[in-house]
Amino acid sequence: MRPRTTVGNPKQVEKRQLDREFSLERYKYILQQIHTVNENVYKFLAIYQTLASTLVAAGLALFVGYRTWGITPAVTRSGIVGLMLLVTVIGFFTAVLIVIGVFAWLDYRKEECELTDRIVHEGFRKSPQLGNFIRWYETYIILFIIGSLGFMWGYALTVILPQIH
């Protein structure tokens, strides 16, 4: 007669089952958070584009209409510089939010890799490498924001402001 094998005592079996269920729910949560962080980048970009377009349009309207509105050149220049500063603050705030999102994404990916290493097998998911930033769309969105701010300031300083007198 063959000896009877046991899987473990009922409390150990229940604990393993509970651990698996909890791990699965945690994994779903991590994936949902990664998805949310990815979506937020596009929301931040949309907010930046909307606010920047609106403020630049207000600056151009001020430039075009300051004489007919009876606004002095000094006030017009100050208004345009003020609007550009506001666009710059919005741009840098947007860039900071994107960078924070990247760090949050890295943390969630690290947690995902640790969880899959424990539950599935070691090396199931490869950890993200900071050196791959050249392939991240966040990099190019930040470059777009910085480039657009640079263009707006260059245009304001070389074309718009010198023509206000």
N, C-alpha and C. Protein backbone atom coordinates (compact mmCIF):
# COMPACT_ATOMS: atom_id res chain seq x y z
N MET A 1 0.82 -1.17 0.00
CA MET A 1 0.00 0.00 0.00
C MET A 1 0.87 1.25 0.00
N ARG A 2 0.48 2.17 -0.79
CA ARG A 2 1.21 3.42 -0.98
C ARG A 2 0.86 4.43 0.11
N PRO A 3 1.88 5.17 0.64
CA PRO A 3 1.57 6.16 1.67
C PRO A 3 0.75 7.31 1.08
N ARG A 4 -0.08 7.83 1.86
CA ARG A 4 -0.94 8.92 1.44
C ARG A 4 -0.17 10.24 1.48
N THR A 5 -0.23 11.02 0.39
CA THR A 5 0.45 12.32 0.35
C THR A 5 -0.57 13.41 0.62
N THR A 6 -0.11 14.39 1.31
CA THR A 6 -1.00 15.52 1.60
C THR A 6 -0.44 16.78 0.97
N VAL A 7 -1.30 17.64 0.60
CA VAL A 7 -0.92 18.91 0.00
C VAL A 7 -0.48 19.89 1.08
N GLY A 8 -0.89 19.66 2.26
CA GLY A 8 -0.60 20.54 3.38
C GLY A 8 -1.81 20.61 4.28
N ASN A 9 -1.60 21.17 5.40
CA ASN A 9 -2.77 21.27 6.27
C ASN A 9 -3.73 22.31 5.70
N PRO A 10 -4.99 22.22 6.04
CA PRO A 10 -5.99 23.11 5.44
C PRO A 10 -5.69 24.60 5.62
N LYS A 11 -5.08 24.97 6.73
CA LYS A 11 -4.76 26.39 6.94
C LYS A 11 -3.67 26.87 5.98
N GLN A 12 -2.68 26.02 5.71
CA GLN A 12 -1.63 26.39 4.75
C GLN A 12 -2.19 26.48 3.34
N VAL A 13 -3.05 25.54 2.97
CA VAL A 13 -3.68 25.57 1.65
C VAL A 13 -4.51 26.83 1.50
N GLU A 14 -5.27 27.15 2.52
CA GLU A 14 -6.11 28.36 2.48
C GLU A 14 -5.24 29.62 2.39
N LYS A 15 -4.14 29.63 3.09
CA LYS A 15 -3.24 30.79 3.05
C LYS A 15 -2.64 30.96 1.66
N ARG A 16 -2.21 29.85 1.03
CA ARG A 16 -1.65 29.93 -0.33
C ARG A 16 -2.70 30.43 -1.31
N GLN A 17 -3.93 29.94 -1.18
CA GLN A 17 -5.02 30.37 -2.06
C GLN A 17 -5.31 31.86 -1.87
N LEU A 18 -5.33 32.29 -0.62
CA LEU A 18 -5.57 33.70 -0.32
C LEU A 18 -4.44 34.56 -0.88
N ASP A 19 -3.21 34.09 -0.76
CA ASP A 19 -2.05 34.81 -1.30
C ASP A 19 -2.16 34.95 -2.82
N ARG A 20 -2.55 33.88 -3.49
CA ARG A 20 -2.72 33.93 -4.94
C ARG A 20 -3.81 34.91 -5.35
N GLU A 21 -4.94 34.86 -4.65
CA GLU A 21 -6.05 35.76 -4.97
C GLU A 21 -5.65 37.22 -4.74
N PHE A 22 -4.98 37.47 -3.61
CA PHE A 22 -4.54 38.82 -3.32
C PHE A 22 -3.53 39.28 -4.36
N SER A 23 -2.60 38.41 -4.72
CA SER A 23 -1.59 38.76 -5.73
C SER A 23 -2.23 39.07 -7.08
N LEU A 24 -3.23 38.30 -7.46
CA LEU A 24 -3.92 38.56 -8.72
C LEU A 24 -4.62 39.91 -8.68
N GLU A 25 -5.29 40.22 -7.58
CA GLU A 25 -5.97 41.52 -7.46
C GLU A 25 -4.96 42.66 -7.46
N ARG A 26 -3.84 42.46 -6.80
CA ARG A 26 -2.79 43.48 -6.78
C ARG A 26 -2.23 43.68 -8.19
N TYR A 27 -2.03 42.59 -8.91
CA TYR A 27 -1.52 42.67 -10.27
C TYR A 27 -2.49 43.44 -11.16
N LYS A 28 -3.78 43.17 -11.03
CA LYS A 28 -4.78 43.92 -11.80
C LYS A 28 -4.73 45.40 -11.46
N TYR A 29 -4.58 45.71 -10.17
CA TYR A 29 -4.49 47.10 -9.74
C TYR A 29 -3.26 47.78 -10.33
N ILE A 30 -2.13 47.10 -10.29
CA ILE A 30 -0.89 47.67 -10.83
C ILE A 30 -1.05 47.96 -12.32
N LEU A 31 -1.61 47.02 -13.07
CA LEU A 31 -1.81 47.24 -14.50
C LEU A 31 -2.76 48.40 -14.76
N GLN A 32 -3.80 48.52 -13.94
CA GLN A 32 -4.74 49.64 -14.08
C GLN A 32 -4.04 50.96 -13.79
N GLN A 33 -3.18 51.00 -12.79
CA GLN A 33 -2.46 52.22 -12.45
C GLN A 33 -1.48 52.59 -13.57
N ILE A 34 -0.80 51.62 -14.15
CA ILE A 34 0.11 51.88 -15.27
C ILE A 34 -0.68 52.48 -16.43
N HIS A 35 -1.85 51.92 -16.70
CA HIS A 35 -2.71 52.44 -17.76
C HIS A 35 -3.13 53.89 -17.46
N THR A 36 -3.50 54.16 -16.23
CA THR A 36 -3.91 55.52 -15.84
C THR A 36 -2.76 56.50 -15.99
N VAL A 37 -1.57 56.11 -15.56
CA VAL A 37 -0.40 56.99 -15.69
C VAL A 37 -0.14 57.29 -17.18
N ASN A 38 -0.27 56.29 -18.03
CA ASN A 38 -0.08 56.50 -19.47
C ASN A 38 -1.12 57.46 -20.04
N GLU A 39 -2.37 57.30 -19.63
CA GLU A 39 -3.44 58.19 -20.11
C GLU A 39 -3.25 59.62 -19.62
N ASN A 40 -2.75 59.78 -18.40
CA ASN A 40 -2.57 61.12 -17.84
C ASN A 40 -1.63 61.98 -18.66
N VAL A 41 -0.63 61.38 -19.27
CA VAL A 41 0.31 62.14 -20.09
C VAL A 41 -0.43 62.88 -21.20
N TYR A 42 -1.35 62.19 -21.85
CA TYR A 42 -2.09 62.83 -22.93
C TYR A 42 -3.05 63.88 -22.41
N LYS A 43 -3.60 63.67 -21.24
CA LYS A 43 -4.47 64.68 -20.63
C LYS A 43 -3.66 65.93 -20.31
N PHE A 44 -2.47 65.76 -19.73
CA PHE A 44 -1.62 66.90 -19.42
C PHE A 44 -1.21 67.64 -20.68
N LEU A 45 -0.89 66.90 -21.73
CA LEU A 45 -0.53 67.53 -22.99
C LEU A 45 -1.71 68.32 -23.57
N ALA A 46 -2.89 67.77 -23.50
CA ALA A 46 -4.08 68.46 -24.01
C ALA A 46 -4.33 69.75 -23.23
N ILE A 47 -4.17 69.68 -21.92
CA ILE A 47 -4.36 70.88 -21.10
C ILE A 47 -3.32 71.94 -21.48
N TYR A 48 -2.06 71.53 -21.62
CA TYR A 48 -1.01 72.47 -22.01
C TYR A 48 -1.33 73.11 -23.36
N GLN A 49 -1.67 72.29 -24.34
CA GLN A 49 -1.95 72.82 -25.68
C GLN A 49 -3.12 73.79 -25.66
N THR A 50 -4.16 73.46 -24.91
CA THR A 50 -5.34 74.33 -24.84
C THR A 50 -5.00 75.66 -24.19
N LEU A 51 -4.36 75.59 -23.02
CA LEU A 51 -4.03 76.83 -22.31
C LEU A 51 -3.00 77.67 -23.07
N ALA A 52 -1.98 77.02 -23.63
CA ALA A 52 -0.97 77.76 -24.37
C ALA A 52 -1.58 78.43 -25.60
N SER A 53 -2.42 77.71 -26.32
CA SER A 53 -3.06 78.30 -27.51
C SER A 53 -3.95 79.49 -27.13
N THR A 54 -4.69 79.35 -26.06
CA THR A 54 -5.58 80.42 -25.61
C THR A 54 -4.78 81.65 -25.19
N LEU A 55 -3.73 81.44 -24.40
CA LEU A 55 -2.94 82.56 -23.91
C LEU A 55 -2.15 83.24 -25.03
N VAL A 56 -1.64 82.46 -25.95
CA VAL A 56 -0.92 83.05 -27.08
C VAL A 56 -1.89 83.82 -27.97
N ALA A 57 -3.08 83.29 -28.17
CA ALA A 57 -4.10 84.02 -28.94
C ALA A 57 -4.46 85.32 -28.25
N ALA A 58 -4.55 85.30 -26.92
CA ALA A 58 -4.83 86.55 -26.18
C ALA A 58 -3.68 87.54 -26.37
N GLY A 59 -2.45 87.05 -26.35
CA GLY A 59 -1.30 87.93 -26.58
C GLY A 59 -1.30 88.52 -27.98
N LEU A 60 -1.63 87.70 -28.97
CA LEU A 60 -1.70 88.22 -30.35
C LEU A 60 -2.84 89.21 -30.51
N ALA A 61 -3.96 88.95 -29.86
CA ALA A 61 -5.08 89.90 -29.90
C ALA A 61 -4.67 91.22 -29.27
N LEU A 62 -3.95 91.15 -28.17
CA LEU A 62 -3.46 92.36 -27.52
C LEU A 62 -2.51 93.12 -28.44
N PHE A 63 -1.63 92.39 -29.11
CA PHE A 63 -0.68 93.01 -30.04
C PHE A 63 -1.40 93.69 -31.20
N VAL A 64 -2.37 93.02 -31.76
CA VAL A 64 -3.09 93.56 -32.92
C VAL A 64 -4.00 94.72 -32.52
N GLY A 65 -4.63 94.65 -31.35
CA GLY A 65 -5.65 95.63 -31.02
C GLY A 65 -5.29 96.69 -30.01
N TYR A 66 -4.05 96.72 -29.54
CA TYR A 66 -3.73 97.64 -28.45
C TYR A 66 -3.94 99.10 -28.82
N ARG A 67 -3.68 99.49 -30.06
CA ARG A 67 -3.87 100.89 -30.45
C ARG A 67 -5.34 101.27 -30.47
N THR A 68 -6.16 100.41 -31.07
CA THR A 68 -7.60 100.75 -31.15
C THR A 68 -8.27 100.67 -29.78
N TRP A 69 -7.69 99.93 -28.87
CA TRP A 69 -8.26 99.83 -27.53
C TRP A 69 -7.74 100.93 -26.60
N GLY A 70 -6.78 101.70 -27.09
CA GLY A 70 -6.22 102.80 -26.30
C GLY A 70 -5.28 102.34 -25.20
N ILE A 71 -4.60 101.23 -25.42
CA ILE A 71 -3.66 100.71 -24.42
C ILE A 71 -2.26 101.21 -24.78
N THR A 72 -1.53 101.66 -23.79
CA THR A 72 -0.18 102.19 -24.04
C THR A 72 0.76 101.06 -24.44
N PRO A 73 1.82 101.40 -25.20
CA PRO A 73 2.81 100.38 -25.58
C PRO A 73 3.46 99.69 -24.37
N ALA A 74 3.73 100.43 -23.31
CA ALA A 74 4.37 99.83 -22.13
C ALA A 74 3.45 98.78 -21.49
N VAL A 75 2.16 99.10 -21.40
CA VAL A 75 1.21 98.15 -20.82
C VAL A 75 1.06 96.94 -21.75
N THR A 76 1.07 97.19 -23.05
CA THR A 76 0.95 96.10 -24.02
C THR A 76 2.14 95.16 -23.91
N ARG A 77 3.34 95.72 -23.85
CA ARG A 77 4.54 94.87 -23.69
C ARG A 77 4.47 94.08 -22.39
N SER A 78 4.08 94.75 -21.31
CA SER A 78 3.96 94.06 -20.02
C SER A 78 2.92 92.94 -20.09
N GLY A 79 1.81 93.21 -20.76
CA GLY A 79 0.77 92.20 -20.89
C GLY A 79 1.24 90.99 -21.68
N ILE A 80 1.96 91.24 -22.75
CA ILE A 80 2.46 90.13 -23.57
C ILE A 80 3.51 89.33 -22.80
N VAL A 81 4.41 90.01 -22.12
CA VAL A 81 5.42 89.31 -21.32
C VAL A 81 4.73 88.52 -20.20
N GLY A 82 3.72 89.11 -19.58
CA GLY A 82 2.98 88.41 -18.53
C GLY A 82 2.30 87.16 -19.05
N LEU A 83 1.69 87.26 -20.22
CA LEU A 83 1.04 86.08 -20.82
C LEU A 83 2.08 85.01 -21.16
N MET A 84 3.24 85.44 -21.65
CA MET A 84 4.30 84.48 -21.97
C MET A 84 4.83 83.81 -20.70
N LEU A 85 4.96 84.58 -19.64
CA LEU A 85 5.39 83.97 -18.37
C LEU A 85 4.37 82.95 -17.88
N LEU A 86 3.10 83.27 -18.03
CA LEU A 86 2.05 82.34 -17.62
C LEU A 86 2.10 81.06 -18.46
N VAL A 87 2.30 81.20 -19.76
CA VAL A 87 2.44 80.02 -20.64
C VAL A 87 3.65 79.20 -20.20
N THR A 88 4.74 79.88 -19.85
CA THR A 88 5.95 79.19 -19.42
C THR A 88 5.72 78.41 -18.13
N VAL A 89 5.05 79.03 -17.16
CA VAL A 89 4.74 78.34 -15.90
C VAL A 89 3.88 77.11 -16.18
N ILE A 90 2.87 77.26 -17.04
CA ILE A 90 2.00 76.13 -17.38
C ILE A 90 2.82 75.02 -18.07
N GLY A 91 3.71 75.41 -18.97
CA GLY A 91 4.54 74.44 -19.67
C GLY A 91 5.45 73.67 -18.72
N PHE A 92 6.11 74.39 -17.82
CA PHE A 92 6.99 73.70 -16.89
C PHE A 92 6.21 72.85 -15.89
N PHE A 93 5.06 73.33 -15.47
CA PHE A 93 4.22 72.53 -14.57
C PHE A 93 3.79 71.24 -15.27
N THR A 94 3.41 71.35 -16.54
CA THR A 94 3.02 70.18 -17.31
C THR A 94 4.19 69.21 -17.43
N ALA A 95 5.38 69.73 -17.72
CA ALA A 95 6.56 68.88 -17.84
C ALA A 95 6.87 68.18 -16.51
N VAL A 96 6.73 68.90 -15.41
CA VAL A 96 6.97 68.30 -14.09
C VAL A 96 5.96 67.18 -13.83
N LEU A 97 4.69 67.41 -14.17
CA LEU A 97 3.68 66.37 -13.98
C LEU A 97 4.01 65.13 -14.81
N ILE A 98 4.52 65.34 -16.01
CA ILE A 98 4.89 64.20 -16.86
C ILE A 98 6.07 63.45 -16.27
N VAL A 99 7.07 64.18 -15.77
CA VAL A 99 8.23 63.53 -15.15
C VAL A 99 7.80 62.75 -13.91
N ILE A 100 6.92 63.33 -13.10
CA ILE A 100 6.40 62.61 -11.93
C ILE A 100 5.66 61.35 -12.38
N GLY A 101 4.91 61.45 -13.47
CA GLY A 101 4.23 60.29 -14.02
C GLY A 101 5.19 59.19 -14.44
N VAL A 102 6.32 59.60 -15.00
CA VAL A 102 7.35 58.62 -15.39
C VAL A 102 7.87 57.88 -14.16
N PHE A 103 8.15 58.63 -13.10
CA PHE A 103 8.62 57.98 -11.87
C PHE A 103 7.56 57.06 -11.27
N ALA A 104 6.30 57.49 -11.33
CA ALA A 104 5.22 56.62 -10.83
C ALA A 104 5.13 55.36 -11.69
N TRP A 105 5.25 55.52 -13.01
CA TRP A 105 5.22 54.37 -13.91
C TRP A 105 6.36 53.41 -13.60
N LEU A 106 7.56 53.97 -13.37
CA LEU A 106 8.70 53.12 -13.03
C LEU A 106 8.47 52.35 -11.73
N ASP A 107 7.89 53.02 -10.74
CA ASP A 107 7.58 52.34 -9.48
C ASP A 107 6.58 51.21 -9.68
N TYR A 108 5.51 51.48 -10.44
CA TYR A 108 4.52 50.43 -10.68
C TYR A 108 5.11 49.28 -11.48
N ARG A 109 5.95 49.59 -12.45
CA ARG A 109 6.58 48.51 -13.23
C ARG A 109 7.51 47.68 -12.36
N LYS A 110 8.24 48.35 -11.45
CA LYS A 110 9.12 47.63 -10.53
C LYS A 110 8.29 46.69 -9.65
N GLU A 111 7.17 47.21 -9.13
CA GLU A 111 6.30 46.37 -8.30
C GLU A 111 5.72 45.22 -9.11
N GLU A 112 5.36 45.50 -10.37
CA GLU A 112 4.84 44.44 -11.23
C GLU A 112 5.88 43.35 -11.43
N CYS A 113 7.12 43.74 -11.68
CA CYS A 113 8.19 42.75 -11.89
C CYS A 113 8.45 41.93 -10.64
N GLU A 114 8.45 42.59 -9.47
CA GLU A 114 8.65 41.86 -8.22
C GLU A 114 7.52 40.86 -7.98
N LEU A 115 6.30 41.28 -8.27
CA LEU A 115 5.15 40.40 -8.07
C LEU A 115 5.20 39.20 -9.01
N THR A 116 5.49 39.44 -10.28
CA THR A 116 5.54 38.32 -11.23
C THR A 116 6.74 37.42 -10.95
N ASP A 117 7.85 37.99 -10.46
CA ASP A 117 8.99 37.15 -10.07
C ASP A 117 8.59 36.19 -8.95
N ARG A 118 7.78 36.67 -8.02
CA ARG A 118 7.37 35.87 -6.88
C ARG A 118 6.29 34.86 -7.26
N ILE A 119 5.33 35.28 -8.06
CA ILE A 119 4.17 34.43 -8.36
C ILE A 119 4.39 33.54 -9.58
N VAL A 120 4.93 34.08 -10.65
CA VAL A 120 5.08 33.30 -11.89
C VAL A 120 6.44 32.61 -11.89
N HIS A 121 7.50 33.36 -12.17
CA HIS A 121 8.87 32.86 -12.06
C HIS A 121 9.83 34.02 -12.22
N GLU A 122 11.01 33.83 -11.72
CA GLU A 122 12.06 34.86 -11.77
C GLU A 122 12.33 35.26 -13.22
N GLY A 123 12.33 36.56 -13.47
CA GLY A 123 12.60 37.07 -14.81
C GLY A 123 11.41 37.04 -15.76
N PHE A 124 10.22 36.79 -15.25
CA PHE A 124 9.03 36.75 -16.12
C PHE A 124 8.83 38.08 -16.84
N ARG A 125 9.00 39.19 -16.13
CA ARG A 125 8.93 40.52 -16.73
C ARG A 125 10.27 41.20 -16.51
N LYS A 126 10.79 41.81 -17.55
CA LYS A 126 12.06 42.51 -17.46
C LYS A 126 11.81 43.91 -16.90
N SER A 127 12.62 44.32 -15.95
CA SER A 127 12.48 45.64 -15.36
C SER A 127 12.80 46.72 -16.40
N PRO A 128 12.10 47.86 -16.32
CA PRO A 128 12.37 48.95 -17.27
C PRO A 128 13.74 49.56 -17.00
N GLN A 129 14.37 50.03 -18.03
CA GLN A 129 15.69 50.63 -17.93
C GLN A 129 15.58 52.13 -18.24
N LEU A 130 16.17 52.96 -17.38
CA LEU A 130 16.15 54.41 -17.62
C LEU A 130 16.86 54.77 -18.93
N GLY A 131 17.78 53.94 -19.32
CA GLY A 131 18.52 54.19 -20.57
C GLY A 131 17.65 54.11 -21.81
N ASN A 132 16.44 53.57 -21.66
CA ASN A 132 15.52 53.47 -22.80
C ASN A 132 14.65 54.72 -22.96
N PHE A 133 14.98 55.80 -22.25
CA PHE A 133 14.16 57.01 -22.30
C PHE A 133 14.00 57.53 -23.72
N ILE A 134 14.91 57.21 -24.60
CA ILE A 134 14.85 57.68 -25.98
C ILE A 134 13.64 57.07 -26.70
N ARG A 135 13.13 55.96 -26.19
CA ARG A 135 11.97 55.30 -26.80
C ARG A 135 10.65 55.67 -26.13
N TRP A 136 10.70 56.46 -25.07
CA TRP A 136 9.49 56.82 -24.34
C TRP A 136 8.85 58.04 -24.97
N TYR A 137 7.57 57.99 -25.21
CA TYR A 137 6.88 59.12 -25.81
C TYR A 137 6.88 60.34 -24.88
N GLU A 138 6.99 60.12 -23.57
CA GLU A 138 7.06 61.24 -22.63
C GLU A 138 8.26 62.13 -22.92
N THR A 139 9.35 61.52 -23.35
CA THR A 139 10.55 62.29 -23.69
C THR A 139 10.24 63.30 -24.78
N TYR A 140 9.53 62.86 -25.81
CA TYR A 140 9.25 63.74 -26.94
C TYR A 140 8.16 64.75 -26.63
N ILE A 141 7.26 64.41 -25.73
CA ILE A 141 6.26 65.38 -25.30
C ILE A 141 6.93 66.50 -24.52
N ILE A 142 7.85 66.15 -23.64
CA ILE A 142 8.58 67.18 -22.89
C ILE A 142 9.43 68.02 -23.84
N LEU A 143 10.07 67.39 -24.80
CA LEU A 143 10.85 68.16 -25.80
C LEU A 143 9.94 69.08 -26.60
N PHE A 144 8.73 68.62 -26.93
CA PHE A 144 7.76 69.47 -27.64
C PHE A 144 7.40 70.68 -26.79
N ILE A 145 7.14 70.46 -25.52
CA ILE A 145 6.78 71.57 -24.64
C ILE A 145 7.92 72.58 -24.55
N ILE A 146 9.12 72.10 -24.33
CA ILE A 146 10.27 72.99 -24.23
C ILE A 146 10.52 73.70 -25.56
N GLY A 147 10.41 72.97 -26.66
CA GLY A 147 10.60 73.57 -27.98
C GLY A 147 9.54 74.61 -28.30
N SER A 148 8.29 74.32 -27.97
CA SER A 148 7.23 75.30 -28.25
C SER A 148 7.39 76.54 -27.39
N LEU A 149 7.80 76.37 -26.13
CA LEU A 149 8.06 77.53 -25.29
C LEU A 149 9.22 78.36 -25.84
N GLY A 150 10.25 77.68 -26.27
CA GLY A 150 11.39 78.38 -26.87
C GLY A 150 10.98 79.16 -28.11
N PHE A 151 10.18 78.55 -28.96
CA PHE A 151 9.70 79.23 -30.17
C PHE A 151 8.85 80.44 -29.81
N MET A 152 7.92 80.26 -28.86
CA MET A 152 7.04 81.38 -28.48
C MET A 152 7.83 82.54 -27.91
N TRP A 153 8.78 82.25 -27.03
CA TRP A 153 9.60 83.32 -26.48
C TRP A 153 10.45 83.98 -27.56
N GLY A 154 11.06 83.18 -28.42
CA GLY A 154 11.86 83.74 -29.51
C GLY A 154 11.04 84.64 -30.41
N TYR A 155 9.86 84.20 -30.77
CA TYR A 155 8.98 84.99 -31.64
C TYR A 155 8.52 86.27 -30.93
N ALA A 156 8.17 86.15 -29.67
CA ALA A 156 7.72 87.33 -28.92
C ALA A 156 8.85 88.35 -28.78
N LEU A 157 10.05 87.88 -28.48
CA LEU A 157 11.16 88.80 -28.26
C LEU A 157 11.72 89.40 -29.54
N THR A 158 11.68 88.66 -30.63
CA THR A 158 12.30 89.16 -31.87
C THR A 158 11.31 89.78 -32.85
N VAL A 159 10.05 89.40 -32.78
CA VAL A 159 9.08 89.91 -33.76
C VAL A 159 8.01 90.80 -33.11
N ILE A 160 7.36 90.31 -32.09
CA ILE A 160 6.21 91.01 -31.50
C ILE A 160 6.63 92.24 -30.69
N LEU A 161 7.44 92.04 -29.67
CA LEU A 161 7.79 93.14 -28.78
C LEU A 161 8.52 94.30 -29.47
N PRO A 162 9.43 94.05 -30.40
CA PRO A 162 10.09 95.19 -31.06
C PRO A 162 9.12 96.07 -31.90
N GLN A 163 7.99 95.52 -32.28
CA GLN A 163 7.05 96.28 -33.11
C GLN A 163 6.05 97.09 -32.28
N ILE A 164 6.11 96.98 -30.99
CA ILE A 164 5.20 97.74 -30.13
C ILE A 164 5.88 99.05 -29.75
N HIS A 165 5.37 100.15 -30.29
CA HIS A 165 5.90 101.48 -29.95
C HIS A 165 4.84 102.54 -30.04
